[in-house]
Protein backbone atom coordinates (compact mmCIF):
# COMPACT_ATOMS: atom_id res chain seq x y z
CA MET A 1 -60.56 -78.50 89.16
CA LYS A 2 -61.03 -81.11 86.44
CA HIS A 3 -63.00 -84.22 87.28
CA THR A 4 -60.39 -86.55 85.77
CA PHE A 5 -57.79 -85.16 88.17
CA LEU A 6 -60.19 -85.45 91.10
CA LEU A 7 -60.91 -89.08 90.30
CA ILE A 8 -57.19 -89.95 90.43
CA ALA A 9 -56.74 -87.98 93.64
CA ILE A 10 -59.63 -89.83 95.26
CA LEU A 11 -58.73 -93.34 94.23
CA PHE A 12 -55.04 -93.05 94.99
CA PHE A 13 -54.17 -91.16 98.14
CA PHE A 14 -50.54 -90.77 99.19
CA SER A 15 -50.04 -90.87 102.93
CA CYS A 16 -47.10 -91.67 105.23
CA GLY A 17 -44.98 -92.98 102.39
CA LYS A 18 -47.52 -95.38 100.88
CA ASP A 19 -50.47 -95.32 98.53
CA LYS A 20 -53.98 -95.87 99.84
CA VAL A 21 -57.02 -96.62 97.73
CA VAL A 22 -60.63 -95.51 98.13
CA LEU A 23 -63.18 -97.42 96.06
CA LEU A 24 -65.97 -94.92 95.52
CA PRO A 25 -69.63 -96.02 95.55
CA GLU A 26 -71.32 -96.17 92.17
CA ILE A 27 -74.61 -94.51 91.24
CA SER A 28 -76.56 -94.72 88.01
CA HIS A 29 -77.20 -90.97 87.80
CA SER A 30 -76.42 -87.81 89.73
CA GLU A 31 -78.05 -84.40 89.47
CA ILE A 32 -74.89 -82.77 90.86
CA THR A 33 -71.87 -83.13 88.61
CA GLU A 34 -69.60 -80.22 89.46
CA ILE A 35 -68.61 -78.49 92.70
CA LEU A 36 -66.17 -75.63 93.09
CA ASP A 37 -64.14 -74.45 96.09
CA VAL A 38 -63.69 -77.87 97.67
CA SER A 39 -61.56 -79.71 100.18
CA PRO A 40 -61.54 -83.50 100.65
CA ALA A 41 -61.83 -86.03 103.45
CA TYR A 42 -61.21 -89.76 103.05
CA LEU A 43 -62.60 -92.80 104.83
CA PHE A 44 -60.41 -95.82 104.11
CA TYR A 45 -61.23 -99.51 104.22
CA ASP A 46 -58.48 -101.81 105.51
CA GLU A 47 -58.53 -105.13 103.67
CA THR A 48 -56.25 -106.71 106.26
CA GLN A 49 -58.43 -105.68 109.19
CA LYS A 50 -62.06 -105.67 108.09
CA ASP A 51 -63.30 -104.02 111.28
CA SER A 52 -60.85 -101.18 110.86
CA VAL A 53 -61.63 -97.77 109.36
CA GLU A 54 -59.36 -94.76 109.00
CA LEU A 55 -60.42 -91.15 108.54
CA ASN A 56 -58.09 -88.63 106.95
CA ARG A 57 -59.32 -85.04 107.26
CA LYS A 58 -56.01 -83.16 107.23
CA ASN A 59 -56.87 -81.07 104.18
CA LEU A 60 -60.37 -79.97 105.24
CA ILE A 61 -60.96 -76.21 105.25
CA VAL A 62 -64.11 -75.36 107.14
CA THR A 63 -65.16 -72.51 104.82
CA THR A 64 -65.14 -74.71 101.69
CA ASN A 65 -67.47 -77.35 100.26
CA TRP A 66 -66.44 -80.72 101.64
CA LEU A 67 -66.13 -83.78 99.43
CA VAL A 68 -66.32 -86.82 101.69
CA ASN A 69 -64.88 -89.86 99.92
CA VAL A 70 -66.07 -93.04 101.61
CA ASP A 71 -64.87 -96.48 100.55
CA LYS A 72 -67.92 -98.38 99.34
CA ARG A 73 -66.88 -101.55 101.21
CA LEU A 74 -67.26 -99.97 104.65
CA THR A 75 -70.42 -100.75 106.59
CA LEU A 76 -72.67 -98.00 107.90
CA LYS A 77 -71.72 -99.07 111.41
CA GLN A 78 -68.11 -98.25 110.54
CA ALA A 79 -68.64 -95.12 108.46
CA ILE A 80 -71.49 -93.16 110.08
CA PRO A 81 -69.68 -92.24 113.35
CA HIS A 82 -66.86 -90.64 111.34
CA ILE A 83 -69.30 -88.88 109.02
CA THR A 84 -71.18 -87.52 112.02
CA LEU A 85 -67.87 -86.31 113.48
CA LEU A 86 -67.16 -84.34 110.29
CA GLN A 87 -70.63 -82.80 110.27
CA GLU A 88 -70.30 -81.67 113.88
CA LYS A 89 -66.88 -80.20 113.19
CA LYS A 90 -68.30 -77.91 110.53
CA ARG A 91 -71.59 -77.14 112.30
CA ASN A 92 -69.79 -76.12 115.49
CA SER A 93 -67.01 -74.11 113.88
CA SER A 94 -66.87 -70.40 114.67
CA HIS A 95 -65.49 -69.78 111.16
CA LYS A 96 -68.07 -71.72 109.17
CA ASN A 97 -69.42 -70.53 105.85
CA GLU A 98 -73.22 -70.93 105.67
CA ASN A 99 -72.98 -71.45 101.91
CA ALA A 100 -70.46 -74.29 102.17
CA LYS A 101 -72.04 -77.73 101.73
CA ASN A 102 -71.07 -81.36 102.34
CA TYR A 103 -71.18 -83.98 99.58
CA PHE A 104 -70.50 -87.68 99.17
CA THR A 105 -68.36 -88.34 96.12
CA CYS A 106 -69.55 -91.13 93.81
CA ASN A 107 -68.77 -92.64 90.44
CA ASP A 108 -71.62 -91.71 88.11
CA ILE A 109 -71.64 -94.69 85.75
CA SER A 110 -74.05 -93.04 83.31
CA ARG A 111 -71.56 -90.23 82.66
CA LYS A 112 -68.39 -92.21 83.45
CA ASN A 113 -67.37 -89.37 85.71
CA LEU A 114 -67.88 -88.10 89.23
CA GLY A 115 -71.27 -87.39 90.74
CA PHE A 116 -72.17 -85.99 94.15
CA ILE A 117 -74.90 -86.45 96.74
CA GLU A 118 -75.39 -83.63 99.23
CA PHE A 119 -75.81 -84.52 102.91
CA THR A 120 -75.21 -81.14 104.56
CA ASP A 121 -78.46 -81.10 106.50
CA VAL A 122 -78.76 -84.81 107.21
CA PHE A 123 -78.84 -85.78 110.89
CA TYR A 124 -77.94 -89.40 111.60
CA HIS A 125 -79.51 -91.24 114.54
CA VAL A 126 -78.13 -94.60 115.69
CA GLU A 127 -81.55 -96.20 116.23
CA SER A 128 -84.72 -96.84 114.28
CA SER A 129 -87.18 -94.04 113.61
CA SER A 130 -89.81 -95.94 115.62
CA ASP A 131 -87.56 -96.06 118.69
CA TYR A 132 -86.58 -92.44 118.22
CA PHE A 133 -90.17 -91.17 118.11
CA ASN A 134 -91.22 -93.41 120.99
CA LYS A 135 -88.56 -91.77 123.17
CA ASN A 136 -89.38 -88.27 121.94
CA SER A 137 -93.14 -88.04 122.27
CA ASN A 138 -93.11 -84.34 121.38
CA LEU A 139 -91.68 -85.25 117.98
CA LYS A 140 -94.32 -87.71 116.86
CA PRO A 141 -94.54 -88.03 113.07
CA SER A 142 -97.70 -86.89 111.36
CA GLU A 143 -100.38 -89.32 110.24
CA SER A 144 -99.30 -88.82 106.64
CA SER A 145 -95.71 -89.88 107.28
CA ILE A 146 -94.16 -93.33 106.87
CA GLY A 147 -90.89 -95.04 107.62
CA ILE A 148 -88.92 -97.00 105.06
CA ASN A 149 -86.54 -99.64 106.45
CA VAL A 150 -83.85 -100.78 104.00
CA ASP A 151 -82.49 -104.19 104.91
CA PHE A 152 -80.59 -107.03 103.29
CA ASN A 153 -81.59 -108.86 100.10
CA ASN A 154 -83.45 -105.82 98.73
CA SER A 155 -86.00 -106.16 101.51
CA ILE A 156 -87.87 -102.94 102.31
CA THR A 157 -90.26 -102.64 105.22
CA ILE A 158 -92.94 -99.94 105.07
CA ILE A 159 -94.07 -98.57 108.45
CA THR A 160 -97.22 -96.46 108.63
CA PRO A 161 -98.85 -94.91 111.72
CA ASP A 162 -102.21 -96.59 111.19
CA SER A 163 -101.36 -100.13 110.09
CA ASP A 164 -98.96 -102.99 110.76
CA PRO A 165 -95.57 -102.92 109.02
CA PHE A 166 -95.42 -104.75 105.72
CA ILE A 167 -92.52 -105.88 103.56
CA ILE A 168 -92.04 -105.44 99.85
CA GLN A 169 -89.41 -107.52 98.09
CA THR A 170 -87.95 -105.52 95.24
CA ASN A 171 -84.78 -104.74 93.35
CA LYS A 172 -82.91 -101.56 92.53
CA GLU A 173 -84.52 -101.24 89.13
CA ASN A 174 -88.07 -101.49 90.45
CA VAL A 175 -87.76 -99.84 93.85
CA ILE A 176 -89.07 -96.42 92.79
CA ASN A 177 -92.17 -97.75 91.02
CA ASP A 178 -92.88 -100.15 93.90
CA LEU A 179 -92.57 -97.39 96.49
CA LYS A 180 -94.76 -95.02 94.48
CA LYS A 181 -97.55 -97.60 94.65
CA VAL A 182 -97.53 -97.67 98.44
CA ILE A 183 -96.79 -94.02 99.31
CA PRO A 184 -98.77 -91.93 96.79
CA ASP A 185 -100.07 -89.41 99.35
CA THR A 186 -97.30 -89.41 101.94
CA LYS A 187 -95.84 -86.04 102.84
CA THR A 188 -92.80 -87.09 104.89
CA VAL A 189 -90.63 -90.20 104.49
CA TYR A 190 -88.22 -91.31 107.22
CA LEU A 191 -85.36 -93.46 105.97
CA ASN A 192 -84.01 -96.33 108.09
CA PHE A 193 -80.92 -98.33 107.10
CA ASN A 194 -79.56 -101.52 108.62
CA SER A 195 -76.15 -100.70 110.12
CA ALA A 196 -74.60 -103.79 108.50
CA LEU A 197 -75.34 -102.52 104.98
CA THR A 198 -72.30 -101.37 103.04
CA PHE A 199 -71.84 -97.77 102.06
CA GLN A 200 -72.46 -98.86 98.46
CA ASP A 201 -75.84 -100.28 99.53
CA TYR A 202 -76.65 -97.04 101.32
CA ILE A 203 -75.71 -94.79 98.40
CA SER A 204 -77.55 -96.97 95.89
CA PHE A 205 -80.84 -96.80 97.78
CA LYS A 206 -80.35 -93.21 98.90
CA SER A 207 -79.86 -91.94 95.33
CA LEU A 208 -82.93 -93.84 94.14
CA ILE A 209 -85.18 -92.85 97.03
CA LEU A 210 -84.20 -89.19 96.69
CA SER A 211 -85.70 -89.27 93.21
CA LEU A 212 -89.09 -89.82 94.87
CA GLU A 213 -89.02 -86.34 96.36
CA ASN A 214 -91.51 -83.92 94.84
CA LYS A 215 -94.11 -81.36 95.93
CA SER A 216 -96.16 -83.96 97.82
CA ILE A 217 -93.37 -86.19 99.14
CA HIS A 218 -90.62 -84.89 101.41
CA ILE A 219 -87.62 -87.01 102.38
CA SER A 220 -86.79 -86.18 106.00
CA ASN A 221 -83.28 -84.97 106.78
CA ASN A 222 -83.35 -87.25 109.85
CA GLU A 223 -81.94 -90.65 108.90
CA PHE A 224 -81.85 -93.67 111.16
CA ILE A 225 -79.18 -96.37 111.32
CA TYR A 226 -80.47 -99.34 113.28
């Protein structure tokens, strides 16, 4: 399936006799640029009712790769429950294909085409990582792990097991270099996102933070929406 056709299909969705539009989140670069054997789901933003969100999953086939197209204007509070619902649908299916993955569809502005971010193994928790680990004492993070809280105004709070939280004020261009300075030896990073952030905010930081991952730094597949 050609990307140009996919882009039209994503932005303009025909349903119940009227066109609906999904504004895809933008990323500066994506490592994943092509996916075969796909079926789509759509999360729509309603301009007339800003607290409203609509999920269309009619065309999802559980044995295929899923392209989840989320309008970038939705907040995480609106979008994450529907995304979790989709994940559980595939994970609990008796007909699932272990090789079939889930991806967020984005506009890769560097290539002027589609890019994709995989989230197959991500587990979303509607609380902070600190609260989660406090309630689950048997799941305490290691001493080498940290939490990263992404909030408004490019504010990032770093939480370490052996010191008080501290805030770094940064921007999207500098976030990777700034984070490298404060987590050079960390093995596991737990990501926390304010639930009022837009899906565009989430994808922007997620795509940048994922580039931190290497042999010594692991980004946990547990993400926390607080």
